Amino acid sequence: MTLEKQNETSAGQGVNVTESILDQPLWETIAQKLKQANLTNNKGSSFSNPYFAGMGIGIALFLAFFLVGRGFGDSGAMTRIFAYLMSKFTPEHTDTLYYFKRYLSTSGHPLYHWVVFVLIGSAIGGLVSGLKGKRMKMEFIRGPNVSRKRRIITSLIGGILVAFGARMAGGCVTGLAITSGSLLSVAGWLFFFVVISAGMLTAYIIKKEWL
């Protein structure tokens, strides 16, 4: 019996709607609620609905822990690859830097570490999503009050600050906020709230540049 029919029956026979819902299989109740909330449909946009995409990330994270015993992480892969390149061009100097040296595996090749494959998979997934949503095109996204040169410079500076902050915190949004947060890590949740708060503050400060 559907939820709508149960509501009609309850009006005429005095049936408790809550009890009727609880009598249904859990998956059927969830499916009905999702349909009513229209979470799986994002008309007018080439992007997936954020609620539906968020549930997909949660399921993927669960499968990652269940199948391989690891979570997500991207910034660690970039650091490992950069350490490998440094060891090839300046091996003597890299040997004196404990921070970069510890990211190299026994063989000294970054592809021997799982986090690099997570990064590769993220890139492939983003490519597939872009192709499916027909978003694969060359474009320069900037606000009406921002010049092309300024956009490039601020993007470069912002990227450096984000990368530096991620390594200082010991992880990025995927590794520290999502993965550690799902494990109820205090550091993960603290990082998550600080990132959200700082993002909202930054958006408020620079909103005139994009409006």
N, C-alpha and C. Protein backbone atom coordinates (compact mmCIF):
# COMPACT_ATOMS: atom_id res chain seq x y z
N MET A 1 0.85 -1.20 0.00
CA MET A 1 0.00 0.00 0.00
C MET A 1 0.88 1.24 0.00
N THR A 2 0.57 2.20 -0.86
CA THR A 2 1.36 3.41 -0.94
C THR A 2 1.03 4.35 0.21
N LEU A 3 1.92 5.35 0.41
CA LEU A 3 1.72 6.30 1.49
C LEU A 3 0.47 7.13 1.27
N GLU A 4 0.16 7.48 -0.02
CA GLU A 4 -1.02 8.29 -0.30
C GLU A 4 -2.29 7.53 0.06
N LYS A 5 -2.37 6.24 -0.29
CA LYS A 5 -3.54 5.44 0.02
C LYS A 5 -3.71 5.26 1.52
N GLN A 6 -2.59 5.16 2.22
CA GLN A 6 -2.66 5.03 3.68
C GLN A 6 -3.24 6.29 4.30
N ASN A 7 -2.85 7.45 3.75
CA ASN A 7 -3.38 8.70 4.29
C ASN A 7 -4.88 8.81 4.06
N GLU A 8 -5.35 8.37 2.85
CA GLU A 8 -6.78 8.40 2.56
C GLU A 8 -7.54 7.45 3.48
N THR A 9 -6.97 6.29 3.72
CA THR A 9 -7.63 5.30 4.59
C THR A 9 -7.70 5.81 6.01
N SER A 10 -6.63 6.48 6.46
CA SER A 10 -6.59 6.96 7.83
C SER A 10 -7.65 8.02 8.08
N ALA A 11 -7.98 8.82 7.03
CA ALA A 11 -8.98 9.88 7.20
C ALA A 11 -10.36 9.30 7.43
N GLY A 12 -10.67 8.16 6.80
CA GLY A 12 -12.01 7.59 6.92
C GLY A 12 -12.15 6.55 8.01
N GLN A 13 -11.05 5.89 8.38
CA GLN A 13 -11.13 4.78 9.32
C GLN A 13 -10.38 5.04 10.62
N GLY A 14 -9.75 6.21 10.73
CA GLY A 14 -9.06 6.52 11.97
C GLY A 14 -7.78 5.73 12.15
N VAL A 15 -7.12 5.36 11.07
CA VAL A 15 -5.88 4.60 11.16
C VAL A 15 -4.73 5.54 11.49
N ASN A 16 -3.84 5.13 12.36
CA ASN A 16 -2.67 5.93 12.72
C ASN A 16 -1.68 5.91 11.57
N VAL A 17 -1.42 7.10 10.99
CA VAL A 17 -0.54 7.17 9.82
C VAL A 17 0.88 6.75 10.17
N THR A 18 1.37 7.14 11.36
CA THR A 18 2.73 6.79 11.76
C THR A 18 2.91 5.29 11.83
N GLU A 19 1.93 4.60 12.42
CA GLU A 19 2.02 3.15 12.51
C GLU A 19 1.96 2.51 11.13
N SER A 20 1.15 3.09 10.22
CA SER A 20 1.05 2.55 8.87
C SER A 20 2.38 2.67 8.14
N ILE A 21 3.06 3.80 8.33
CA ILE A 21 4.36 4.00 7.70
C ILE A 21 5.37 3.01 8.25
N LEU A 22 5.34 2.79 9.56
CA LEU A 22 6.29 1.87 10.17
C LEU A 22 6.06 0.44 9.73
N ASP A 23 4.83 0.14 9.27
CA ASP A 23 4.55 -1.22 8.80
C ASP A 23 5.17 -1.49 7.44
N GLN A 24 5.56 -0.44 6.71
CA GLN A 24 6.16 -0.62 5.39
C GLN A 24 7.61 -1.04 5.51
N PRO A 25 8.15 -1.69 4.48
CA PRO A 25 9.59 -1.96 4.44
C PRO A 25 10.35 -0.64 4.46
N LEU A 26 11.50 -0.62 5.13
CA LEU A 26 12.27 0.61 5.28
C LEU A 26 12.65 1.19 3.93
N TRP A 27 13.07 0.34 2.99
CA TRP A 27 13.51 0.85 1.70
C TRP A 27 12.37 1.53 0.95
N GLU A 28 11.14 1.03 1.11
CA GLU A 28 10.00 1.62 0.42
C GLU A 28 9.68 3.00 1.00
N THR A 29 9.78 3.13 2.31
CA THR A 29 9.54 4.42 2.95
C THR A 29 10.57 5.44 2.50
N ILE A 30 11.85 5.03 2.46
CA ILE A 30 12.91 5.94 2.03
C ILE A 30 12.71 6.37 0.58
N ALA A 31 12.34 5.42 -0.28
CA ALA A 31 12.12 5.74 -1.70
C ALA A 31 10.99 6.75 -1.87
N GLN A 32 9.91 6.59 -1.09
CA GLN A 32 8.79 7.51 -1.18
C GLN A 32 9.19 8.91 -0.72
N LYS A 33 9.95 8.97 0.36
CA LYS A 33 10.38 10.27 0.87
C LYS A 33 11.31 10.97 -0.13
N LEU A 34 12.20 10.21 -0.76
CA LEU A 34 13.09 10.80 -1.76
C LEU A 34 12.31 11.32 -2.95
N LYS A 35 11.29 10.57 -3.35
CA LYS A 35 10.48 10.99 -4.49
C LYS A 35 9.72 12.27 -4.16
N GLN A 36 9.18 12.36 -2.94
CA GLN A 36 8.44 13.55 -2.53
C GLN A 36 9.36 14.76 -2.45
N ALA A 37 10.59 14.54 -1.96
CA ALA A 37 11.53 15.65 -1.82
C ALA A 37 12.20 16.02 -3.14
N ASN A 38 12.03 15.17 -4.17
CA ASN A 38 12.59 15.43 -5.49
C ASN A 38 14.11 15.56 -5.45
N LEU A 39 14.75 14.70 -4.64
CA LEU A 39 16.20 14.79 -4.47
C LEU A 39 16.96 14.22 -5.65
N THR A 40 16.35 13.32 -6.38
CA THR A 40 17.08 12.66 -7.46
C THR A 40 16.92 13.36 -8.80
N ASN A 41 16.27 14.52 -8.78
CA ASN A 41 16.05 15.23 -10.03
C ASN A 41 16.57 16.66 -9.89
N ASN A 42 17.36 17.10 -10.83
CA ASN A 42 17.94 18.44 -10.77
C ASN A 42 17.77 19.10 -12.14
N LYS A 43 16.50 19.35 -12.51
CA LYS A 43 16.18 19.87 -13.83
C LYS A 43 16.80 21.25 -14.03
N GLY A 44 17.22 21.50 -15.27
CA GLY A 44 17.77 22.79 -15.61
C GLY A 44 19.24 22.94 -15.28
N SER A 45 19.89 21.90 -14.81
CA SER A 45 21.30 21.96 -14.46
C SER A 45 22.00 20.71 -14.96
N SER A 46 23.27 20.88 -15.36
CA SER A 46 24.06 19.74 -15.81
C SER A 46 24.74 19.03 -14.65
N PHE A 47 24.55 19.56 -13.44
CA PHE A 47 25.13 18.96 -12.25
C PHE A 47 24.11 18.07 -11.55
N SER A 48 24.61 17.10 -10.79
CA SER A 48 23.72 16.24 -10.01
C SER A 48 23.17 17.02 -8.83
N ASN A 49 22.02 16.60 -8.35
CA ASN A 49 21.46 17.22 -7.15
C ASN A 49 22.43 17.02 -5.99
N PRO A 50 22.76 18.07 -5.23
CA PRO A 50 23.75 17.95 -4.16
C PRO A 50 23.38 16.94 -3.09
N TYR A 51 22.08 16.80 -2.78
CA TYR A 51 21.67 15.82 -1.77
C TYR A 51 21.93 14.40 -2.26
N PHE A 52 21.57 14.16 -3.51
CA PHE A 52 21.77 12.83 -4.10
C PHE A 52 23.26 12.53 -4.24
N ALA A 53 24.04 13.53 -4.66
CA ALA A 53 25.49 13.35 -4.79
C ALA A 53 26.14 13.10 -3.44
N GLY A 54 25.64 13.79 -2.40
CA GLY A 54 26.18 13.59 -1.06
C GLY A 54 25.96 12.18 -0.56
N MET A 55 24.77 11.63 -0.84
CA MET A 55 24.51 10.25 -0.46
C MET A 55 25.41 9.29 -1.23
N GLY A 56 25.71 9.64 -2.49
CA GLY A 56 26.61 8.81 -3.28
C GLY A 56 28.01 8.80 -2.71
N ILE A 57 28.48 9.96 -2.23
CA ILE A 57 29.80 10.03 -1.61
C ILE A 57 29.84 9.19 -0.34
N GLY A 58 28.76 9.26 0.45
CA GLY A 58 28.70 8.46 1.67
C GLY A 58 28.74 6.97 1.39
N ILE A 59 28.02 6.53 0.36
CA ILE A 59 28.02 5.12 -0.01
C ILE A 59 29.40 4.70 -0.51
N ALA A 60 30.03 5.56 -1.32
CA ALA A 60 31.36 5.25 -1.83
C ALA A 60 32.38 5.16 -0.70
N LEU A 61 32.26 6.03 0.30
CA LEU A 61 33.16 5.99 1.44
C LEU A 61 32.98 4.71 2.24
N PHE A 62 31.73 4.30 2.42
CA PHE A 62 31.46 3.04 3.13
C PHE A 62 32.08 1.86 2.38
N LEU A 63 31.91 1.83 1.06
CA LEU A 63 32.48 0.74 0.27
C LEU A 63 34.00 0.74 0.32
N ALA A 64 34.60 1.95 0.36
CA ALA A 64 36.06 2.04 0.44
C ALA A 64 36.57 1.43 1.74
N PHE A 65 35.91 1.75 2.85
CA PHE A 65 36.30 1.16 4.13
C PHE A 65 36.04 -0.34 4.15
N PHE A 66 34.91 -0.75 3.60
CA PHE A 66 34.51 -2.15 3.66
C PHE A 66 35.39 -3.04 2.78
N LEU A 67 35.76 -2.54 1.59
CA LEU A 67 36.49 -3.37 0.63
C LEU A 67 38.00 -3.31 0.80
N VAL A 68 38.55 -2.12 1.06
CA VAL A 68 40.01 -1.99 1.12
C VAL A 68 40.51 -1.45 2.45
N GLY A 69 39.60 -1.10 3.35
CA GLY A 69 40.03 -0.62 4.66
C GLY A 69 40.64 0.76 4.65
N ARG A 70 40.36 1.54 3.63
CA ARG A 70 40.91 2.90 3.51
C ARG A 70 39.80 3.87 3.15
N GLY A 71 40.02 5.15 3.50
CA GLY A 71 39.06 6.18 3.14
C GLY A 71 39.50 6.94 1.91
N PHE A 72 39.18 8.24 1.87
CA PHE A 72 39.55 9.09 0.75
C PHE A 72 40.71 9.99 1.13
N GLY A 73 41.32 10.61 0.13
CA GLY A 73 42.40 11.56 0.36
C GLY A 73 43.04 11.96 -0.95
N ASP A 74 43.25 13.25 -1.16
CA ASP A 74 43.84 13.73 -2.41
C ASP A 74 45.13 14.51 -2.20
N SER A 75 45.17 15.37 -1.19
CA SER A 75 46.35 16.21 -1.01
C SER A 75 47.59 15.39 -0.70
N GLY A 76 47.42 14.27 0.00
CA GLY A 76 48.56 13.40 0.29
C GLY A 76 49.17 12.82 -0.96
N ALA A 77 48.34 12.56 -1.97
CA ALA A 77 48.84 12.02 -3.24
C ALA A 77 49.69 13.06 -3.96
N MET A 78 49.24 14.31 -3.96
CA MET A 78 50.01 15.37 -4.60
C MET A 78 51.35 15.57 -3.91
N THR A 79 51.36 15.51 -2.58
CA THR A 79 52.60 15.65 -1.83
C THR A 79 53.54 14.51 -2.14
N ARG A 80 53.01 13.30 -2.23
CA ARG A 80 53.83 12.13 -2.52
C ARG A 80 54.44 12.21 -3.92
N ILE A 81 53.65 12.64 -4.89
CA ILE A 81 54.17 12.79 -6.25
C ILE A 81 55.23 13.88 -6.32
N PHE A 82 55.00 14.99 -5.63
CA PHE A 82 55.97 16.08 -5.61
C PHE A 82 57.26 15.63 -4.95
N ALA A 83 57.16 14.84 -3.87
CA ALA A 83 58.35 14.33 -3.20
C ALA A 83 59.14 13.41 -4.14
N TYR A 84 58.43 12.63 -4.93
CA TYR A 84 59.10 11.74 -5.89
C TYR A 84 59.85 12.54 -6.94
N LEU A 85 59.22 13.59 -7.46
CA LEU A 85 59.88 14.43 -8.46
C LEU A 85 61.11 15.12 -7.87
N MET A 86 61.01 15.57 -6.64
CA MET A 86 62.16 16.19 -5.99
C MET A 86 63.31 15.20 -5.83
N SER A 87 62.97 13.96 -5.51
CA SER A 87 64.02 12.94 -5.33
C SER A 87 64.73 12.63 -6.64
N LYS A 88 64.08 12.88 -7.78
CA LYS A 88 64.70 12.63 -9.07
C LYS A 88 65.59 13.79 -9.52
N PHE A 89 65.17 15.02 -9.23
CA PHE A 89 65.92 16.18 -9.68
C PHE A 89 66.95 16.64 -8.66
N THR A 90 66.60 16.56 -7.38
CA THR A 90 67.54 16.97 -6.31
C THR A 90 67.57 15.90 -5.22
N PRO A 91 68.13 14.72 -5.51
CA PRO A 91 68.10 13.62 -4.54
C PRO A 91 68.83 13.93 -3.24
N GLU A 92 69.98 14.63 -3.33
CA GLU A 92 70.73 14.93 -2.11
C GLU A 92 69.94 15.86 -1.20
N HIS A 93 69.31 16.85 -1.79
CA HIS A 93 68.54 17.79 -0.98
C HIS A 93 67.29 17.13 -0.40
N THR A 94 66.64 16.27 -1.17
CA THR A 94 65.44 15.59 -0.69
C THR A 94 65.74 14.68 0.49
N ASP A 95 66.92 14.06 0.49
CA ASP A 95 67.30 13.17 1.59
C ASP A 95 67.45 13.92 2.90
N THR A 96 67.65 15.23 2.83
CA THR A 96 67.80 16.03 4.05
C THR A 96 66.46 16.56 4.56
N LEU A 97 65.40 16.38 3.78
CA LEU A 97 64.07 16.88 4.15
C LEU A 97 63.20 15.72 4.61
N TYR A 98 63.03 15.61 5.90
CA TYR A 98 62.26 14.49 6.45
C TYR A 98 60.81 14.53 6.00
N TYR A 99 60.25 15.73 5.87
CA TYR A 99 58.83 15.84 5.52
C TYR A 99 58.54 15.18 4.18
N PHE A 100 59.38 15.44 3.18
CA PHE A 100 59.16 14.86 1.86
C PHE A 100 59.67 13.43 1.77
N LYS A 101 60.74 13.15 2.45
CA LYS A 101 61.34 11.82 2.38
C LYS A 101 60.40 10.75 2.91
N ARG A 102 59.62 11.07 3.94
CA ARG A 102 58.74 10.08 4.54
C ARG A 102 57.54 9.74 3.66
N TYR A 103 57.30 10.52 2.62
CA TYR A 103 56.19 10.23 1.71
C TYR A 103 56.58 9.24 0.61
N LEU A 104 57.86 8.98 0.49
CA LEU A 104 58.32 8.03 -0.52
C LEU A 104 58.19 6.62 0.02
N SER A 105 57.71 5.72 -0.81
CA SER A 105 57.58 4.32 -0.39
C SER A 105 58.95 3.67 -0.40
N THR A 106 59.00 2.39 -0.08
CA THR A 106 60.26 1.66 0.00
C THR A 106 61.02 1.73 -1.32
N SER A 107 60.29 1.63 -2.43
CA SER A 107 60.93 1.67 -3.74
C SER A 107 61.16 3.10 -4.22
N GLY A 108 60.60 4.07 -3.53
CA GLY A 108 60.75 5.46 -3.94
C GLY A 108 59.79 5.87 -5.04
N HIS A 109 58.80 5.05 -5.35
CA HIS A 109 57.84 5.38 -6.41
C HIS A 109 56.47 5.65 -5.80
N PRO A 110 55.87 6.81 -6.07
CA PRO A 110 54.60 7.17 -5.42
C PRO A 110 53.43 6.30 -5.82
N LEU A 111 53.49 5.65 -6.98
CA LEU A 111 52.36 4.84 -7.43
C LEU A 111 52.20 3.56 -6.62
N TYR A 112 53.11 3.30 -5.71
CA TYR A 112 52.99 2.14 -4.85
C TYR A 112 52.12 2.43 -3.63
N HIS A 113 51.49 3.58 -3.60
CA HIS A 113 50.66 3.96 -2.47
C HIS A 113 49.22 4.12 -2.93
N TRP A 114 48.28 3.69 -2.08
CA TRP A 114 46.87 3.66 -2.46
C TRP A 114 46.28 5.04 -2.73
N VAL A 115 46.77 6.07 -2.02
CA VAL A 115 46.16 7.39 -2.14
C VAL A 115 46.35 7.99 -3.53
N VAL A 116 47.41 7.57 -4.22
CA VAL A 116 47.64 8.05 -5.59
C VAL A 116 46.55 7.54 -6.52
N PHE A 117 46.13 6.30 -6.32
CA PHE A 117 45.07 5.74 -7.15
C PHE A 117 43.72 6.39 -6.84
N VAL A 118 43.54 6.84 -5.60
CA VAL A 118 42.32 7.59 -5.27
C VAL A 118 42.29 8.90 -6.06
N LEU A 119 43.44 9.55 -6.15
CA LEU A 119 43.53 10.80 -6.91
C LEU A 119 43.26 10.56 -8.39
N ILE A 120 43.84 9.49 -8.94
CA ILE A 120 43.61 9.16 -10.34
C ILE A 120 42.13 8.84 -10.59
N GLY A 121 41.54 8.08 -9.68
CA GLY A 121 40.12 7.76 -9.81
C GLY A 121 39.24 8.99 -9.72
N SER A 122 39.61 9.95 -8.86
CA SER A 122 38.85 11.19 -8.75
C SER A 122 38.90 11.98 -10.06
N ALA A 123 40.09 12.00 -10.68
CA ALA A 123 40.23 12.71 -11.96
C ALA A 123 39.40 12.04 -13.05
N ILE A 124 39.42 10.71 -13.09
CA ILE A 124 38.63 9.99 -14.09
C ILE A 124 37.14 10.20 -13.85
N GLY A 125 36.72 10.15 -12.59
CA GLY A 125 35.32 10.37 -12.27
C GLY A 125 34.85 11.76 -12.64
N GLY A 126 35.69 12.76 -12.39
CA GLY A 126 35.35 14.12 -12.78
C GLY A 126 35.25 14.28 -14.28
N LEU A 127 36.14 13.59 -15.00
CA LEU A 127 36.11 13.64 -16.46
C LEU A 127 34.82 13.01 -17.01
N VAL A 128 34.46 11.85 -16.46
CA VAL A 128 33.24 11.18 -16.91
C VAL A 128 32.01 12.04 -16.60
N SER A 129 31.99 12.65 -15.41
CA SER A 129 30.87 13.51 -15.03
C SER A 129 30.76 14.71 -15.96
N GLY A 130 31.91 15.31 -16.30
CA GLY A 130 31.90 16.46 -17.19
C GLY A 130 31.43 16.10 -18.59
N LEU A 131 31.87 14.94 -19.08
CA LEU A 131 31.43 14.50 -20.41
C LEU A 131 29.94 14.19 -20.43
N LYS A 132 29.47 13.54 -19.38
CA LYS A 132 28.05 13.19 -19.30
C LYS A 132 27.18 14.43 -19.20
N GLY A 133 27.63 15.42 -18.44
CA GLY A 133 26.86 16.65 -18.28
C GLY A 133 27.13 17.68 -19.36
N LYS A 134 27.98 17.33 -20.34
CA LYS A 134 28.33 18.21 -21.45
C LYS A 134 28.91 19.53 -20.95
N ARG A 135 29.81 19.41 -19.95
CA ARG A 135 30.46 20.60 -19.40
C ARG A 135 31.91 20.71 -19.84
N MET A 136 32.37 19.81 -20.70
CA MET A 136 33.76 19.80 -21.13
C MET A 136 33.98 20.85 -22.21
N LYS A 137 34.35 22.04 -21.80
CA LYS A 137 34.62 23.12 -22.74
C LYS A 137 35.60 24.09 -22.10
N MET A 138 36.31 24.79 -22.94
CA MET A 138 37.26 25.78 -22.47
C MET A 138 36.51 27.06 -22.10
N GLU A 139 36.63 27.48 -20.86
CA GLU A 139 35.98 28.71 -20.43
C GLU A 139 36.77 29.35 -19.30
N PHE A 140 36.59 30.63 -19.14
CA PHE A 140 37.29 31.39 -18.11
C PHE A 140 36.24 32.00 -17.19
N ILE A 141 35.98 31.35 -16.07
CA ILE A 141 34.91 31.77 -15.17
C ILE A 141 35.43 32.86 -14.23
N ARG A 142 34.79 34.00 -14.26
CA ARG A 142 35.17 35.11 -13.38
C ARG A 142 33.99 36.05 -13.25
N GLY A 143 34.04 36.88 -12.22
CA GLY A 143 32.99 37.85 -11.98
C GLY A 143 33.08 39.02 -12.94
N PRO A 144 32.02 39.81 -13.06
CA PRO A 144 32.01 40.95 -13.99
C PRO A 144 33.01 42.04 -13.61
N ASN A 145 33.41 42.07 -12.34
CA ASN A 145 34.33 43.10 -11.88
C ASN A 145 35.76 42.60 -11.74
N VAL A 146 36.03 41.41 -12.26
CA VAL A 146 37.36 40.80 -12.13
C VAL A 146 37.97 40.63 -13.51
N SER A 147 39.18 41.14 -13.68
CA SER A 147 39.88 40.99 -14.95
C SER A 147 40.46 39.58 -15.07
N ARG A 148 40.82 39.21 -16.28
CA ARG A 148 41.40 37.89 -16.51
C ARG A 148 42.72 37.72 -15.74
N LYS A 149 43.55 38.76 -15.77
CA LYS A 149 44.83 38.70 -15.08
C LYS A 149 44.64 38.57 -13.57
N ARG A 150 43.71 39.34 -13.04
CA ARG A 150 43.46 39.28 -11.60
C ARG A 150 42.91 37.92 -11.19
N ARG A 151 42.07 37.35 -12.03
CA ARG A 151 41.51 36.03 -11.74
C ARG A 151 42.61 34.98 -11.68
N ILE A 152 43.56 35.04 -12.59
CA ILE A 152 44.66 34.08 -12.61
C ILE A 152 45.53 34.23 -11.37
N ILE A 153 45.85 35.47 -11.01
CA ILE A 153 46.73 35.71 -9.86
C ILE A 153 46.06 35.27 -8.56
N THR A 154 44.80 35.67 -8.37
CA THR A 154 44.11 35.29 -7.13
C THR A 154 43.87 33.78 -7.05
N SER A 155 43.64 33.14 -8.18
CA SER A 155 43.47 31.68 -8.18
C SER A 155 44.77 30.99 -7.78
N LEU A 156 45.88 31.50 -8.28
CA LEU A 156 47.19 30.93 -7.94
C LEU A 156 47.49 31.10 -6.46
N ILE A 157 47.26 32.31 -5.95
CA ILE A 157 47.51 32.56 -4.53
C ILE A 157 46.59 31.73 -3.65
N GLY A 158 45.31 31.68 -4.02
CA GLY A 158 44.35 30.88 -3.26
C GLY A 158 44.70 29.41 -3.26
N GLY A 159 45.13 28.89 -4.41
CA GLY A 159 45.52 27.48 -4.49
C GLY A 159 46.70 27.16 -3.61
N ILE A 160 47.68 28.07 -3.57
CA ILE A 160 48.85 27.86 -2.71
C ILE A 160 48.45 27.85 -1.24
N LEU A 161 47.59 28.80 -0.85
CA LEU A 161 47.15 28.86 0.54
C LEU A 161 46.35 27.62 0.94
N VAL A 162 45.48 27.15 0.05
CA VAL A 162 44.68 25.96 0.34
C VAL A 162 45.57 24.74 0.49
N ALA A 163 46.54 24.58 -0.43
CA ALA A 163 47.45 23.44 -0.37
C ALA A 163 48.31 23.49 0.89
N PHE A 164 48.81 24.67 1.23
CA PHE A 164 49.63 24.81 2.44
C PHE A 164 48.81 24.50 3.68
N GLY A 165 47.58 25.01 3.72
CA GLY A 165 46.71 24.76 4.87
C GLY A 165 46.36 23.29 5.01
N ALA A 166 46.14 22.61 3.88
CA ALA A 166 45.80 21.19 3.93
C ALA A 166 46.94 20.36 4.50
N ARG A 167 48.16 20.67 4.08
CA ARG A 167 49.29 19.91 4.60
C ARG A 167 49.59 20.28 6.05
N MET A 168 49.36 21.53 6.42
CA MET A 168 49.56 21.92 7.81
C MET A 168 48.56 21.21 8.72
N ALA A 169 47.32 21.06 8.22
CA ALA A 169 46.28 20.38 9.01
C ALA A 169 46.41 18.87 8.98
N GLY A 170 47.21 18.36 8.04
CA GLY A 170 47.37 16.92 7.93
C GLY A 170 46.34 16.25 7.06
N GLY A 171 45.69 17.02 6.18
CA GLY A 171 44.70 16.44 5.29
C GLY A 171 43.84 17.52 4.65
N CYS A 172 43.15 17.14 3.58
CA CYS A 172 42.28 18.07 2.87
C CYS A 172 40.82 17.79 3.22
N VAL A 173 39.91 18.33 2.45
CA VAL A 173 38.49 18.12 2.73
C VAL A 173 38.12 16.65 2.61
N THR A 174 38.64 15.98 1.58
CA THR A 174 38.30 14.57 1.39
C THR A 174 38.93 13.69 2.46
N GLY A 175 40.19 13.95 2.79
CA GLY A 175 40.88 13.08 3.73
C GLY A 175 40.58 13.38 5.18
N LEU A 176 40.52 14.66 5.53
CA LEU A 176 40.35 15.03 6.94
C LEU A 176 38.89 15.27 7.30
N ALA A 177 38.18 16.03 6.49
CA ALA A 177 36.78 16.36 6.82
C ALA A 177 35.86 15.17 6.58
N ILE A 178 35.90 14.59 5.37
CA ILE A 178 34.97 13.51 5.03
C ILE A 178 35.37 12.19 5.68
N THR A 179 36.62 11.75 5.43
CA THR A 179 37.04 10.44 5.95
C THR A 179 37.18 10.45 7.46
N SER A 180 37.97 11.40 8.00
CA SER A 180 38.15 11.45 9.45
C SER A 180 36.86 11.82 10.16
N GLY A 181 36.07 12.71 9.54
CA GLY A 181 34.80 13.08 10.14
C GLY A 181 33.84 11.92 10.25
N SER A 182 33.85 11.03 9.25
CA SER A 182 32.98 9.85 9.30
C SER A 182 33.38 8.89 10.42
N LEU A 183 34.64 8.99 10.85
CA LEU A 183 35.12 8.17 11.96
C LEU A 183 34.98 8.88 13.30
N LEU A 184 34.27 10.03 13.28
CA LEU A 184 34.02 10.84 14.48
C LEU A 184 35.31 11.36 15.09
N SER A 185 36.27 11.67 14.23
CA SER A 185 37.52 12.26 14.70
C SER A 185 37.30 13.72 15.08
N VAL A 186 37.81 14.13 16.23
CA VAL A 186 37.67 15.52 16.67
C VAL A 186 38.37 16.45 15.68
N ALA A 187 39.56 16.06 15.23
CA ALA A 187 40.29 16.88 14.26
C ALA A 187 39.52 17.03 12.96
N GLY A 188 38.88 15.95 12.52
CA GLY A 188 38.10 16.00 11.29
C GLY A 188 36.93 16.94 11.38
N TRP A 189 36.18 16.88 12.48
CA TRP A 189 35.02 17.75 12.65
C TRP A 189 35.44 19.20 12.87
N LEU A 190 36.54 19.42 13.61
CA LEU A 190 37.04 20.77 13.80
C LEU A 190 37.46 21.38 12.46
N PHE A 191 38.16 20.59 11.67
CA PHE A 191 38.58 21.04 10.34
C PHE A 191 37.38 21.37 9.48
N PHE A 192 36.36 20.52 9.53
CA PHE A 192 35.15 20.72 8.73
C PHE A 192 34.47 22.04 9.06
N PHE A 193 34.26 22.30 10.35
CA PHE A 193 33.56 23.53 10.75
C PHE A 193 34.39 24.77 10.45
N VAL A 194 35.70 24.67 10.59
CA VAL A 194 36.56 25.82 10.28
C VAL A 194 36.54 26.12 8.78
N VAL A 195 36.58 25.07 7.96
CA VAL A 195 36.54 25.26 6.50
C VAL A 195 35.22 25.91 6.08
N ILE A 196 34.11 25.43 6.63
CA ILE A 196 32.80 26.00 6.29
C ILE A 196 32.71 27.46 6.75
N SER A 197 33.16 27.72 7.96
CA SER A 197 33.09 29.09 8.50
C SER A 197 33.98 30.04 7.70
N ALA A 198 35.21 29.60 7.41
CA ALA A 198 36.12 30.44 6.64
C ALA A 198 35.60 30.66 5.23
N GLY A 199 34.99 29.64 4.64
CA GLY A 199 34.43 29.78 3.30
C GLY A 199 33.29 30.78 3.26
N MET A 200 32.41 30.73 4.26
CA MET A 200 31.29 31.67 4.32
C MET A 200 31.79 33.10 4.52
N LEU A 201 32.80 33.27 5.37
CA LEU A 201 33.36 34.59 5.62
C LEU A 201 34.02 35.14 4.36
N THR A 202 34.79 34.29 3.68
CA THR A 202 35.45 34.71 2.45
C THR A 202 34.44 35.07 1.37
N ALA A 203 33.38 34.27 1.25
CA ALA A 203 32.34 34.54 0.25
C ALA A 203 31.67 35.89 0.52
N TYR A 204 31.46 36.21 1.78
CA TYR A 204 30.84 37.49 2.14
C TYR A 204 31.76 38.66 1.78
N ILE A 205 33.07 38.47 1.98
CA ILE A 205 34.02 39.55 1.73
C ILE A 205 34.17 39.84 0.24
N ILE A 206 34.21 38.78 -0.57
CA ILE A 206 34.50 38.96 -2.00
C ILE A 206 33.25 38.85 -2.88
N LYS A 207 32.06 38.83 -2.29
CA LYS A 207 30.85 38.63 -3.09
C LYS A 207 30.64 39.72 -4.13
N LYS A 208 31.09 40.95 -3.84
CA LYS A 208 30.91 42.04 -4.80
C LYS A 208 31.70 41.81 -6.08
N GLU A 209 32.76 41.00 -5.98
CA GLU A 209 33.57 40.72 -7.16
C GLU A 209 32.86 39.78 -8.13
N TRP A 210 31.84 39.08 -7.64
CA TRP A 210 31.18 38.07 -8.46
C TRP A 210 29.74 38.42 -8.81
N LEU A 211 29.24 39.53 -8.29
CA LEU A 211 27.85 39.92 -8.54
C LEU A 211 27.75 41.03 -9.58
